[in-house]
Amino acid sequence: MEMHGSRAIAATQQQTWEALLDPQVLQACIPGCDKMETTGPNQYAASIGVKIGPVSARFNAKVALSDVDAPQSCTITFDSQGGAAGFGRGNAKVKITPSDAGCELTYDVTAQIGGKVAQVGQRLIDGVSKAMAEDFFKRFDDEMRKRHPSAASSSASPAVSESAGASSGIPAWAWIVGVIVIAAIAWLMLRS
């Protein structure tokens, strides 16, 4: 799975960079995330629980940053495991550039999924990922507006632009791509 896109953020480049490296901000903004912690220099661990009706599943992810050029860019590598439900792994190149309205975050993601989830079809995975990404962006935008009201009041609502390889577009931000894939795997497995 390949994803490419951008997102306007109503905050400065530095403010956005700091928020995206803050485990508390990420935990609050990622749907179903009950743990996001620093495990070492440029390394994080996340745990996400997904509950559909009476059934629930838990996925664990490891995230590592490399090629860090703060506050402009980095490469993110992620590996998530959900036991028999499946896995998601890959990497993302993230770039944050200043703009008149704050900054623009762009990403190029290559992800791989496996296990039972690989049997359900790309369109269903894309739909779940899109819904979860939109939920993340709404929460992140709300958090940035709360933390930096002067930046938020001087800009319009953020715009989204995205494209995906051979599949339909997925508006996802690279930091959470791994977690979105995890949640999509869980959601799809619980439906089957």
N, C-alpha and C. Protein backbone atom coordinates (compact mmCIF):
# COMPACT_ATOMS: atom_id res chain seq x y z
N MET A 1 0.85 -1.17 0.00
CA MET A 1 0.00 0.00 0.00
C MET A 1 0.90 1.23 0.00
N GLU A 2 0.64 2.14 -0.92
CA GLU A 2 1.38 3.40 -0.94
C GLU A 2 0.40 4.55 -0.79
N MET A 3 0.78 5.53 0.02
CA MET A 3 -0.06 6.69 0.26
C MET A 3 0.79 7.95 0.19
N HIS A 4 0.21 8.98 -0.38
CA HIS A 4 0.90 10.27 -0.49
C HIS A 4 -0.13 11.34 -0.21
N GLY A 5 0.25 12.40 0.47
CA GLY A 5 -0.71 13.46 0.71
C GLY A 5 -0.12 14.62 1.47
N SER A 6 -0.99 15.57 1.76
CA SER A 6 -0.58 16.74 2.53
C SER A 6 -1.75 17.23 3.35
N ARG A 7 -1.43 17.99 4.37
CA ARG A 7 -2.44 18.54 5.27
C ARG A 7 -1.98 19.91 5.74
N ALA A 8 -2.83 20.91 5.62
CA ALA A 8 -2.53 22.24 6.17
C ALA A 8 -2.79 22.20 7.67
N ILE A 9 -1.88 22.76 8.44
CA ILE A 9 -1.99 22.79 9.90
C ILE A 9 -2.01 24.25 10.34
N ALA A 10 -2.95 24.60 11.21
CA ALA A 10 -3.11 25.98 11.69
C ALA A 10 -2.18 26.24 12.87
N ALA A 11 -0.89 26.03 12.66
CA ALA A 11 0.14 26.29 13.68
C ALA A 11 1.46 26.44 12.94
N THR A 12 2.45 26.97 13.62
CA THR A 12 3.76 27.15 12.98
C THR A 12 4.43 25.79 12.77
N GLN A 13 5.46 25.81 11.98
CA GLN A 13 6.25 24.60 11.73
C GLN A 13 6.79 24.04 13.05
N GLN A 14 7.37 24.89 13.89
CA GLN A 14 7.93 24.44 15.16
C GLN A 14 6.85 23.89 16.09
N GLN A 15 5.72 24.58 16.20
CA GLN A 15 4.63 24.12 17.07
C GLN A 15 4.11 22.76 16.61
N THR A 16 3.97 22.59 15.31
CA THR A 16 3.49 21.32 14.77
C THR A 16 4.50 20.21 15.04
N TRP A 17 5.77 20.47 14.79
CA TRP A 17 6.82 19.49 15.04
C TRP A 17 6.80 19.04 16.50
N GLU A 18 6.74 19.98 17.42
CA GLU A 18 6.74 19.65 18.84
C GLU A 18 5.52 18.81 19.22
N ALA A 19 4.35 19.16 18.68
CA ALA A 19 3.14 18.40 18.99
C ALA A 19 3.21 16.98 18.45
N LEU A 20 3.79 16.83 17.27
CA LEU A 20 3.87 15.51 16.66
C LEU A 20 4.89 14.60 17.35
N LEU A 21 5.77 15.17 18.15
CA LEU A 21 6.73 14.39 18.91
C LEU A 21 6.31 14.23 20.37
N ASP A 22 5.15 14.74 20.73
CA ASP A 22 4.66 14.68 22.10
C ASP A 22 3.75 13.46 22.27
N PRO A 23 4.20 12.43 23.00
CA PRO A 23 3.37 11.23 23.15
C PRO A 23 1.99 11.50 23.73
N GLN A 24 1.86 12.49 24.61
CA GLN A 24 0.54 12.80 25.19
C GLN A 24 -0.41 13.35 24.15
N VAL A 25 0.09 14.21 23.26
CA VAL A 25 -0.75 14.75 22.19
C VAL A 25 -1.19 13.63 21.27
N LEU A 26 -0.24 12.79 20.89
CA LEU A 26 -0.57 11.69 19.98
C LEU A 26 -1.57 10.73 20.60
N GLN A 27 -1.39 10.38 21.86
CA GLN A 27 -2.32 9.47 22.52
C GLN A 27 -3.72 10.06 22.55
N ALA A 28 -3.82 11.36 22.80
CA ALA A 28 -5.14 12.00 22.85
C ALA A 28 -5.79 12.08 21.47
N CYS A 29 -4.99 12.12 20.42
CA CYS A 29 -5.53 12.33 19.08
C CYS A 29 -5.75 11.06 18.28
N ILE A 30 -5.04 9.99 18.59
CA ILE A 30 -5.17 8.74 17.84
C ILE A 30 -6.36 7.96 18.38
N PRO A 31 -7.36 7.67 17.53
CA PRO A 31 -8.54 6.93 17.98
C PRO A 31 -8.17 5.56 18.56
N GLY A 32 -8.64 5.27 19.78
CA GLY A 32 -8.42 3.98 20.42
C GLY A 32 -7.06 3.80 21.07
N CYS A 33 -6.20 4.81 21.02
CA CYS A 33 -4.85 4.68 21.58
C CYS A 33 -4.92 4.83 23.09
N ASP A 34 -4.46 3.81 23.81
CA ASP A 34 -4.45 3.91 25.27
C ASP A 34 -3.04 3.97 25.84
N LYS A 35 -2.04 3.91 24.94
CA LYS A 35 -0.65 4.06 25.39
C LYS A 35 0.19 4.58 24.23
N MET A 36 0.93 5.63 24.49
CA MET A 36 1.93 6.15 23.56
C MET A 36 3.04 6.67 24.43
N GLU A 37 4.19 6.02 24.38
CA GLU A 37 5.27 6.42 25.26
C GLU A 37 6.61 6.38 24.54
N THR A 38 7.53 7.18 25.05
CA THR A 38 8.89 7.20 24.53
C THR A 38 9.63 6.01 25.13
N THR A 39 10.31 5.24 24.28
CA THR A 39 11.05 4.08 24.77
C THR A 39 12.56 4.26 24.64
N GLY A 40 12.98 5.32 23.97
CA GLY A 40 14.39 5.61 23.78
C GLY A 40 14.51 6.82 22.88
N PRO A 41 15.74 7.19 22.54
CA PRO A 41 15.91 8.33 21.63
C PRO A 41 15.23 8.04 20.28
N ASN A 42 14.27 8.88 19.94
CA ASN A 42 13.54 8.76 18.68
C ASN A 42 12.82 7.41 18.52
N GLN A 43 12.41 6.82 19.64
CA GLN A 43 11.67 5.55 19.60
C GLN A 43 10.45 5.64 20.49
N TYR A 44 9.35 5.05 20.00
CA TYR A 44 8.08 5.12 20.72
C TYR A 44 7.40 3.75 20.68
N ALA A 45 6.51 3.53 21.64
CA ALA A 45 5.67 2.34 21.65
C ALA A 45 4.23 2.81 21.81
N ALA A 46 3.34 2.15 21.10
CA ALA A 46 1.92 2.50 21.17
C ALA A 46 1.10 1.23 21.35
N SER A 47 -0.03 1.39 21.98
CA SER A 47 -0.98 0.30 22.13
C SER A 47 -2.35 0.85 21.78
N ILE A 48 -3.05 0.13 20.93
CA ILE A 48 -4.38 0.59 20.51
C ILE A 48 -5.37 -0.54 20.70
N GLY A 49 -6.49 -0.20 21.29
CA GLY A 49 -7.56 -1.15 21.48
C GLY A 49 -8.75 -0.77 20.62
N VAL A 50 -9.32 -1.75 19.98
CA VAL A 50 -10.49 -1.52 19.15
C VAL A 50 -11.60 -2.41 19.66
N LYS A 51 -12.77 -1.81 19.88
CA LYS A 51 -13.91 -2.57 20.39
C LYS A 51 -15.09 -2.36 19.46
N ILE A 52 -15.63 -3.46 18.97
CA ILE A 52 -16.83 -3.45 18.14
C ILE A 52 -17.83 -4.35 18.84
N GLY A 53 -18.88 -3.76 19.38
CA GLY A 53 -19.85 -4.55 20.15
C GLY A 53 -19.15 -5.20 21.34
N PRO A 54 -19.39 -6.49 21.57
CA PRO A 54 -18.79 -7.16 22.73
C PRO A 54 -17.37 -7.67 22.47
N VAL A 55 -16.86 -7.52 21.26
CA VAL A 55 -15.55 -8.07 20.91
C VAL A 55 -14.51 -6.96 20.87
N SER A 56 -13.31 -7.25 21.40
CA SER A 56 -12.24 -6.25 21.35
C SER A 56 -10.92 -6.93 20.98
N ALA A 57 -10.02 -6.13 20.43
CA ALA A 57 -8.69 -6.62 20.07
C ALA A 57 -7.67 -5.54 20.42
N ARG A 58 -6.43 -5.96 20.66
CA ARG A 58 -5.36 -5.04 21.02
C ARG A 58 -4.17 -5.25 20.10
N PHE A 59 -3.60 -4.13 19.65
CA PHE A 59 -2.43 -4.15 18.78
C PHE A 59 -1.33 -3.31 19.42
N ASN A 60 -0.10 -3.77 19.26
CA ASN A 60 1.06 -3.05 19.78
C ASN A 60 1.93 -2.62 18.62
N ALA A 61 2.43 -1.40 18.68
CA ALA A 61 3.24 -0.86 17.60
C ALA A 61 4.53 -0.28 18.15
N LYS A 62 5.59 -0.42 17.37
CA LYS A 62 6.87 0.22 17.65
C LYS A 62 7.10 1.22 16.53
N VAL A 63 7.49 2.44 16.91
CA VAL A 63 7.72 3.52 15.95
C VAL A 63 9.12 4.08 16.20
N ALA A 64 9.89 4.26 15.13
CA ALA A 64 11.24 4.81 15.26
C ALA A 64 11.44 5.91 14.22
N LEU A 65 12.13 6.97 14.63
CA LEU A 65 12.44 8.09 13.74
C LEU A 65 13.90 7.99 13.29
N SER A 66 14.13 8.33 12.03
CA SER A 66 15.50 8.41 11.51
C SER A 66 15.56 9.58 10.53
N ASP A 67 16.74 9.90 10.07
CA ASP A 67 16.93 11.03 9.15
C ASP A 67 16.25 12.29 9.67
N VAL A 68 16.36 12.54 10.98
CA VAL A 68 15.68 13.66 11.62
C VAL A 68 16.37 14.97 11.27
N ASP A 69 15.60 15.91 10.72
CA ASP A 69 16.05 17.26 10.41
C ASP A 69 15.02 18.23 11.01
N ALA A 70 15.06 18.37 12.34
CA ALA A 70 14.05 19.15 13.06
C ALA A 70 14.13 20.63 12.68
N PRO A 71 13.04 21.30 12.58
CA PRO A 71 11.64 20.87 12.60
C PRO A 71 11.07 20.64 11.19
N GLN A 72 11.90 20.17 10.28
CA GLN A 72 11.49 20.10 8.88
C GLN A 72 11.08 18.72 8.39
N SER A 73 11.82 17.67 8.75
CA SER A 73 11.51 16.37 8.16
C SER A 73 12.08 15.23 8.97
N CYS A 74 11.57 14.04 8.69
CA CYS A 74 12.10 12.81 9.27
C CYS A 74 11.53 11.62 8.51
N THR A 75 12.11 10.47 8.76
CA THR A 75 11.58 9.21 8.25
C THR A 75 11.07 8.44 9.45
N ILE A 76 9.88 7.89 9.33
CA ILE A 76 9.25 7.13 10.42
C ILE A 76 9.12 5.69 9.97
N THR A 77 9.60 4.78 10.80
CA THR A 77 9.46 3.35 10.54
C THR A 77 8.54 2.79 11.61
N PHE A 78 7.57 1.99 11.20
CA PHE A 78 6.63 1.42 12.17
C PHE A 78 6.45 -0.07 11.94
N ASP A 79 6.17 -0.78 13.04
CA ASP A 79 5.92 -2.21 13.00
C ASP A 79 4.85 -2.48 14.05
N SER A 80 3.70 -2.98 13.61
CA SER A 80 2.60 -3.25 14.54
C SER A 80 2.22 -4.72 14.46
N GLN A 81 1.92 -5.30 15.61
CA GLN A 81 1.57 -6.71 15.71
C GLN A 81 0.24 -6.88 16.43
N GLY A 82 -0.62 -7.70 15.84
CA GLY A 82 -1.91 -7.98 16.45
C GLY A 82 -2.21 -9.46 16.54
N GLY A 83 -1.16 -10.27 16.67
CA GLY A 83 -1.35 -11.71 16.77
C GLY A 83 -1.97 -12.28 15.50
N ALA A 84 -2.95 -13.16 15.67
CA ALA A 84 -3.59 -13.83 14.52
C ALA A 84 -4.33 -12.85 13.62
N ALA A 85 -4.74 -11.70 14.17
CA ALA A 85 -5.48 -10.72 13.37
C ALA A 85 -4.63 -10.15 12.25
N GLY A 86 -3.33 -10.00 12.47
CA GLY A 86 -2.47 -9.50 11.41
C GLY A 86 -1.40 -8.56 11.89
N PHE A 87 -0.77 -7.90 10.92
CA PHE A 87 0.30 -6.97 11.22
C PHE A 87 0.30 -5.85 10.20
N GLY A 88 0.97 -4.77 10.55
CA GLY A 88 1.20 -3.67 9.63
C GLY A 88 2.60 -3.16 9.86
N ARG A 89 3.34 -2.93 8.77
CA ARG A 89 4.69 -2.39 8.91
C ARG A 89 5.02 -1.55 7.69
N GLY A 90 5.96 -0.65 7.88
CA GLY A 90 6.34 0.19 6.75
C GLY A 90 7.12 1.40 7.20
N ASN A 91 7.19 2.39 6.30
CA ASN A 91 7.89 3.63 6.65
C ASN A 91 7.21 4.80 5.95
N ALA A 92 7.50 5.98 6.48
CA ALA A 92 6.91 7.21 5.96
C ALA A 92 7.96 8.31 5.99
N LYS A 93 8.00 9.07 4.93
CA LYS A 93 8.85 10.26 4.88
C LYS A 93 7.92 11.46 5.10
N VAL A 94 8.21 12.24 6.14
CA VAL A 94 7.36 13.35 6.54
C VAL A 94 8.13 14.65 6.38
N LYS A 95 7.44 15.66 5.86
CA LYS A 95 8.06 16.98 5.70
C LYS A 95 7.06 18.04 6.16
N ILE A 96 7.54 19.00 6.96
CA ILE A 96 6.71 20.10 7.45
C ILE A 96 7.33 21.39 6.91
N THR A 97 6.56 22.14 6.12
CA THR A 97 7.06 23.39 5.55
C THR A 97 6.19 24.55 5.99
N PRO A 98 6.79 25.69 6.30
CA PRO A 98 6.02 26.87 6.69
C PRO A 98 5.13 27.33 5.53
N SER A 99 3.98 27.92 5.89
CA SER A 99 3.09 28.52 4.89
C SER A 99 2.49 29.79 5.50
N ASP A 100 1.78 30.55 4.69
CA ASP A 100 1.16 31.78 5.18
C ASP A 100 0.14 31.50 6.28
N ALA A 101 -0.53 30.36 6.22
CA ALA A 101 -1.58 30.03 7.19
C ALA A 101 -1.08 29.16 8.33
N GLY A 102 0.22 28.92 8.42
CA GLY A 102 0.77 28.06 9.46
C GLY A 102 1.86 27.19 8.87
N CYS A 103 1.50 25.94 8.53
CA CYS A 103 2.45 25.06 7.88
C CYS A 103 1.71 23.99 7.10
N GLU A 104 2.45 23.29 6.28
CA GLU A 104 1.88 22.18 5.53
C GLU A 104 2.69 20.92 5.81
N LEU A 105 1.99 19.87 6.15
CA LEU A 105 2.62 18.59 6.43
C LEU A 105 2.39 17.69 5.21
N THR A 106 3.47 17.19 4.62
CA THR A 106 3.35 16.27 3.49
C THR A 106 3.98 14.94 3.88
N TYR A 107 3.52 13.86 3.24
CA TYR A 107 4.01 12.53 3.58
C TYR A 107 3.96 11.61 2.38
N ASP A 108 4.87 10.65 2.39
CA ASP A 108 4.92 9.55 1.43
C ASP A 108 5.10 8.28 2.25
N VAL A 109 4.14 7.38 2.16
CA VAL A 109 4.10 6.20 3.01
C VAL A 109 4.13 4.94 2.15
N THR A 110 4.89 3.98 2.60
CA THR A 110 4.85 2.63 2.04
C THR A 110 4.53 1.71 3.20
N ALA A 111 3.44 0.97 3.11
CA ALA A 111 3.01 0.09 4.20
C ALA A 111 2.70 -1.29 3.65
N GLN A 112 2.83 -2.26 4.51
CA GLN A 112 2.56 -3.65 4.17
C GLN A 112 1.67 -4.22 5.26
N ILE A 113 0.62 -4.92 4.87
CA ILE A 113 -0.24 -5.57 5.86
C ILE A 113 -0.25 -7.07 5.59
N GLY A 114 -0.48 -7.84 6.63
CA GLY A 114 -0.49 -9.29 6.47
C GLY A 114 -1.37 -9.94 7.51
N GLY A 115 -1.45 -11.24 7.45
CA GLY A 115 -2.33 -11.97 8.34
C GLY A 115 -3.73 -12.05 7.76
N LYS A 116 -4.70 -12.29 8.60
CA LYS A 116 -6.08 -12.44 8.15
C LYS A 116 -6.62 -11.20 7.45
N VAL A 117 -6.16 -10.03 7.89
CA VAL A 117 -6.68 -8.79 7.31
C VAL A 117 -6.36 -8.68 5.83
N ALA A 118 -5.27 -9.27 5.38
CA ALA A 118 -4.91 -9.18 3.97
C ALA A 118 -5.94 -9.87 3.09
N GLN A 119 -6.83 -10.65 3.66
CA GLN A 119 -7.84 -11.38 2.90
C GLN A 119 -9.13 -10.59 2.70
N VAL A 120 -9.30 -9.44 3.36
CA VAL A 120 -10.59 -8.75 3.32
C VAL A 120 -10.74 -7.75 2.20
N GLY A 121 -9.67 -7.33 1.59
CA GLY A 121 -9.78 -6.43 0.45
C GLY A 121 -9.34 -5.01 0.75
N GLN A 122 -8.70 -4.41 -0.24
CA GLN A 122 -8.13 -3.08 -0.11
C GLN A 122 -9.17 -1.98 0.08
N ARG A 123 -10.30 -2.09 -0.61
CA ARG A 123 -11.31 -1.02 -0.50
C ARG A 123 -11.85 -0.89 0.91
N LEU A 124 -12.10 -2.01 1.57
CA LEU A 124 -12.60 -1.95 2.94
C LEU A 124 -11.54 -1.37 3.87
N ILE A 125 -10.30 -1.76 3.68
CA ILE A 125 -9.20 -1.21 4.49
C ILE A 125 -9.10 0.30 4.26
N ASP A 126 -9.19 0.72 3.00
CA ASP A 126 -9.12 2.15 2.68
C ASP A 126 -10.23 2.93 3.38
N GLY A 127 -11.44 2.41 3.37
CA GLY A 127 -12.57 3.10 4.01
C GLY A 127 -12.39 3.27 5.50
N VAL A 128 -11.96 2.20 6.17
CA VAL A 128 -11.72 2.26 7.62
C VAL A 128 -10.59 3.24 7.91
N SER A 129 -9.51 3.16 7.13
CA SER A 129 -8.37 4.05 7.33
C SER A 129 -8.78 5.51 7.15
N LYS A 130 -9.59 5.79 6.14
CA LYS A 130 -10.02 7.16 5.89
C LYS A 130 -10.82 7.71 7.07
N ALA A 131 -11.75 6.92 7.58
CA ALA A 131 -12.56 7.37 8.72
C ALA A 131 -11.70 7.63 9.95
N MET A 132 -10.75 6.74 10.22
CA MET A 132 -9.90 6.91 11.39
C MET A 132 -8.96 8.10 11.21
N ALA A 133 -8.45 8.29 9.99
CA ALA A 133 -7.56 9.43 9.73
C ALA A 133 -8.31 10.74 9.92
N GLU A 134 -9.53 10.82 9.42
CA GLU A 134 -10.32 12.04 9.59
C GLU A 134 -10.57 12.31 11.07
N ASP A 135 -10.83 11.27 11.85
CA ASP A 135 -11.02 11.43 13.30
C ASP A 135 -9.73 11.97 13.93
N PHE A 136 -8.57 11.42 13.54
CA PHE A 136 -7.31 11.91 14.06
C PHE A 136 -7.11 13.38 13.73
N PHE A 137 -7.31 13.73 12.44
CA PHE A 137 -7.07 15.11 12.03
C PHE A 137 -7.99 16.09 12.74
N LYS A 138 -9.22 15.70 12.98
CA LYS A 138 -10.13 16.58 13.72
C LYS A 138 -9.61 16.79 15.14
N ARG A 139 -9.22 15.72 15.79
CA ARG A 139 -8.69 15.82 17.15
C ARG A 139 -7.39 16.62 17.19
N PHE A 140 -6.49 16.38 16.23
CA PHE A 140 -5.21 17.09 16.20
C PHE A 140 -5.45 18.58 15.95
N ASP A 141 -6.33 18.90 15.01
CA ASP A 141 -6.65 20.30 14.72
C ASP A 141 -7.23 20.98 15.96
N ASP A 142 -8.15 20.29 16.66
CA ASP A 142 -8.74 20.84 17.89
C ASP A 142 -7.65 21.08 18.94
N GLU A 143 -6.73 20.13 19.07
CA GLU A 143 -5.65 20.27 20.06
C GLU A 143 -4.72 21.43 19.71
N MET A 144 -4.39 21.57 18.43
CA MET A 144 -3.51 22.67 18.02
C MET A 144 -4.21 24.01 18.21
N ARG A 145 -5.48 24.10 17.92
CA ARG A 145 -6.23 25.35 18.12
C ARG A 145 -6.33 25.70 19.61
N LYS A 146 -6.46 24.68 20.45
CA LYS A 146 -6.51 24.90 21.89
C LYS A 146 -5.15 25.38 22.41
N ARG A 147 -4.08 24.76 21.95
CA ARG A 147 -2.73 25.11 22.41
C ARG A 147 -2.23 26.42 21.84
N HIS A 148 -2.64 26.74 20.60
CA HIS A 148 -2.12 27.93 19.90
C HIS A 148 -3.28 28.71 19.28
N PRO A 149 -4.13 29.33 20.11
CA PRO A 149 -5.31 30.01 19.58
C PRO A 149 -4.98 31.18 18.64
N SER A 150 -3.87 31.86 18.83
CA SER A 150 -3.54 32.98 17.95
C SER A 150 -3.22 32.49 16.54
N ALA A 151 -2.55 31.35 16.41
CA ALA A 151 -2.25 30.79 15.09
C ALA A 151 -3.53 30.30 14.43
N ALA A 152 -4.43 29.70 15.22
CA ALA A 152 -5.68 29.16 14.67
C ALA A 152 -6.61 30.26 14.19
N SER A 153 -6.66 31.38 14.91
CA SER A 153 -7.58 32.45 14.53
C SER A 153 -7.13 33.19 13.28
N SER A 154 -5.84 33.12 12.96
CA SER A 154 -5.35 33.83 11.78
C SER A 154 -5.33 32.98 10.53
N SER A 155 -5.84 31.74 10.62
CA SER A 155 -5.86 30.88 9.43
C SER A 155 -7.22 30.28 9.23
N ALA A 156 -7.47 29.87 8.02
CA ALA A 156 -8.73 29.21 7.69
C ALA A 156 -8.64 27.75 8.08
N SER A 157 -9.73 27.02 7.90
CA SER A 157 -9.73 25.60 8.19
C SER A 157 -8.70 24.90 7.34
N PRO A 158 -8.02 23.88 7.90
CA PRO A 158 -7.00 23.18 7.14
C PRO A 158 -7.60 22.47 5.94
N ALA A 159 -6.82 22.41 4.87
CA ALA A 159 -7.25 21.69 3.67
C ALA A 159 -6.53 20.36 3.60
N VAL A 160 -7.09 19.44 2.85
CA VAL A 160 -6.51 18.12 2.71
C VAL A 160 -6.29 17.84 1.24
N SER A 161 -5.17 17.23 0.94
CA SER A 161 -4.89 16.76 -0.41
C SER A 161 -4.24 15.40 -0.27
N GLU A 162 -4.71 14.42 -1.02
CA GLU A 162 -4.11 13.11 -0.90
C GLU A 162 -4.22 12.34 -2.19
N SER A 163 -3.39 11.31 -2.29
CA SER A 163 -3.48 10.36 -3.39
C SER A 163 -2.88 9.06 -2.91
N ALA A 164 -3.26 7.97 -3.56
CA ALA A 164 -2.71 6.67 -3.21
C ALA A 164 -2.34 5.96 -4.48
N GLY A 165 -1.39 5.02 -4.37
CA GLY A 165 -0.92 4.27 -5.53
C GLY A 165 -2.03 3.85 -6.46
N ALA A 166 -2.37 2.58 -6.50
CA ALA A 166 -3.40 2.10 -7.40
C ALA A 166 -4.76 2.14 -6.74
N SER A 167 -4.83 2.38 -5.44
CA SER A 167 -6.11 2.37 -4.75
C SER A 167 -6.65 3.78 -4.59
N SER A 168 -7.85 3.89 -3.99
CA SER A 168 -8.44 5.20 -3.78
C SER A 168 -7.63 5.97 -2.74
N GLY A 169 -7.74 7.31 -2.72
CA GLY A 169 -6.95 8.14 -1.82
C GLY A 169 -7.27 7.90 -0.37
N ILE A 170 -6.25 7.99 0.48
CA ILE A 170 -6.41 7.85 1.92
C ILE A 170 -5.78 9.07 2.57
N PRO A 171 -6.58 9.97 3.13
CA PRO A 171 -5.99 11.14 3.77
C PRO A 171 -5.43 10.78 5.13
N ALA A 172 -4.19 10.34 5.18
CA ALA A 172 -3.60 9.91 6.43
C ALA A 172 -2.31 10.66 6.68
N TRP A 173 -2.01 10.90 7.90
CA TRP A 173 -0.78 11.56 8.28
C TRP A 173 0.22 10.47 8.67
N ALA A 174 1.44 10.59 8.27
CA ALA A 174 2.41 9.51 8.38
C ALA A 174 2.63 9.02 9.80
N TRP A 175 2.62 9.90 10.78
CA TRP A 175 2.86 9.46 12.15
C TRP A 175 1.87 8.39 12.54
N ILE A 176 0.62 8.53 12.11
CA ILE A 176 -0.40 7.59 12.58
C ILE A 176 -0.75 6.52 11.58
N VAL A 177 -0.06 6.49 10.46
CA VAL A 177 -0.38 5.46 9.47
C VAL A 177 -0.29 4.07 10.10
N GLY A 178 0.76 3.81 10.85
CA GLY A 178 0.88 2.50 11.49
C GLY A 178 -0.28 2.19 12.40
N VAL A 179 -0.70 3.17 13.18
CA VAL A 179 -1.81 2.95 14.11
C VAL A 179 -3.12 2.80 13.35
N ILE A 180 -3.30 3.54 12.27
CA ILE A 180 -4.50 3.40 11.46
C ILE A 180 -4.57 2.00 10.86
N VAL A 181 -3.44 1.52 10.36
CA VAL A 181 -3.41 0.16 9.81
C VAL A 181 -3.75 -0.85 10.89
N ILE A 182 -3.22 -0.65 12.09
CA ILE A 182 -3.53 -1.54 13.20
C ILE A 182 -5.03 -1.55 13.47
N ALA A 183 -5.61 -0.38 13.60
CA ALA A 183 -7.04 -0.28 13.90
C ALA A 183 -7.88 -0.86 12.76
N ALA A 184 -7.47 -0.62 11.53
CA ALA A 184 -8.19 -1.19 10.40
C ALA A 184 -8.16 -2.71 10.45
N ILE A 185 -7.01 -3.27 10.77
CA ILE A 185 -6.89 -4.72 10.89
C ILE A 185 -7.85 -5.23 11.96
N ALA A 186 -7.83 -4.59 13.13
CA ALA A 186 -8.70 -5.03 14.22
C ALA A 186 -10.16 -4.92 13.85
N TRP A 187 -10.54 -3.79 13.29
CA TRP A 187 -11.95 -3.56 12.94
C TRP A 187 -12.43 -4.57 11.92
N LEU A 188 -11.61 -4.81 10.91
CA LEU A 188 -12.00 -5.76 9.86
C LEU A 188 -12.08 -7.18 10.39
N MET A 189 -11.15 -7.56 11.25
CA MET A 189 -11.16 -8.90 11.81
C MET A 189 -12.38 -9.11 12.71
N LEU A 190 -12.76 -8.09 13.44
CA LEU A 190 -13.90 -8.21 14.33
C LEU A 190 -15.22 -8.28 13.56
N ARG A 191 -15.24 -7.74 12.36
CA ARG A 191 -16.44 -7.78 11.52
C ARG A 191 -16.63 -9.13 10.87
N SER A 192 -15.53 -9.86 10.65
CA SER A 192 -15.64 -11.12 9.90
C SER A 192 -16.04 -12.28 10.80
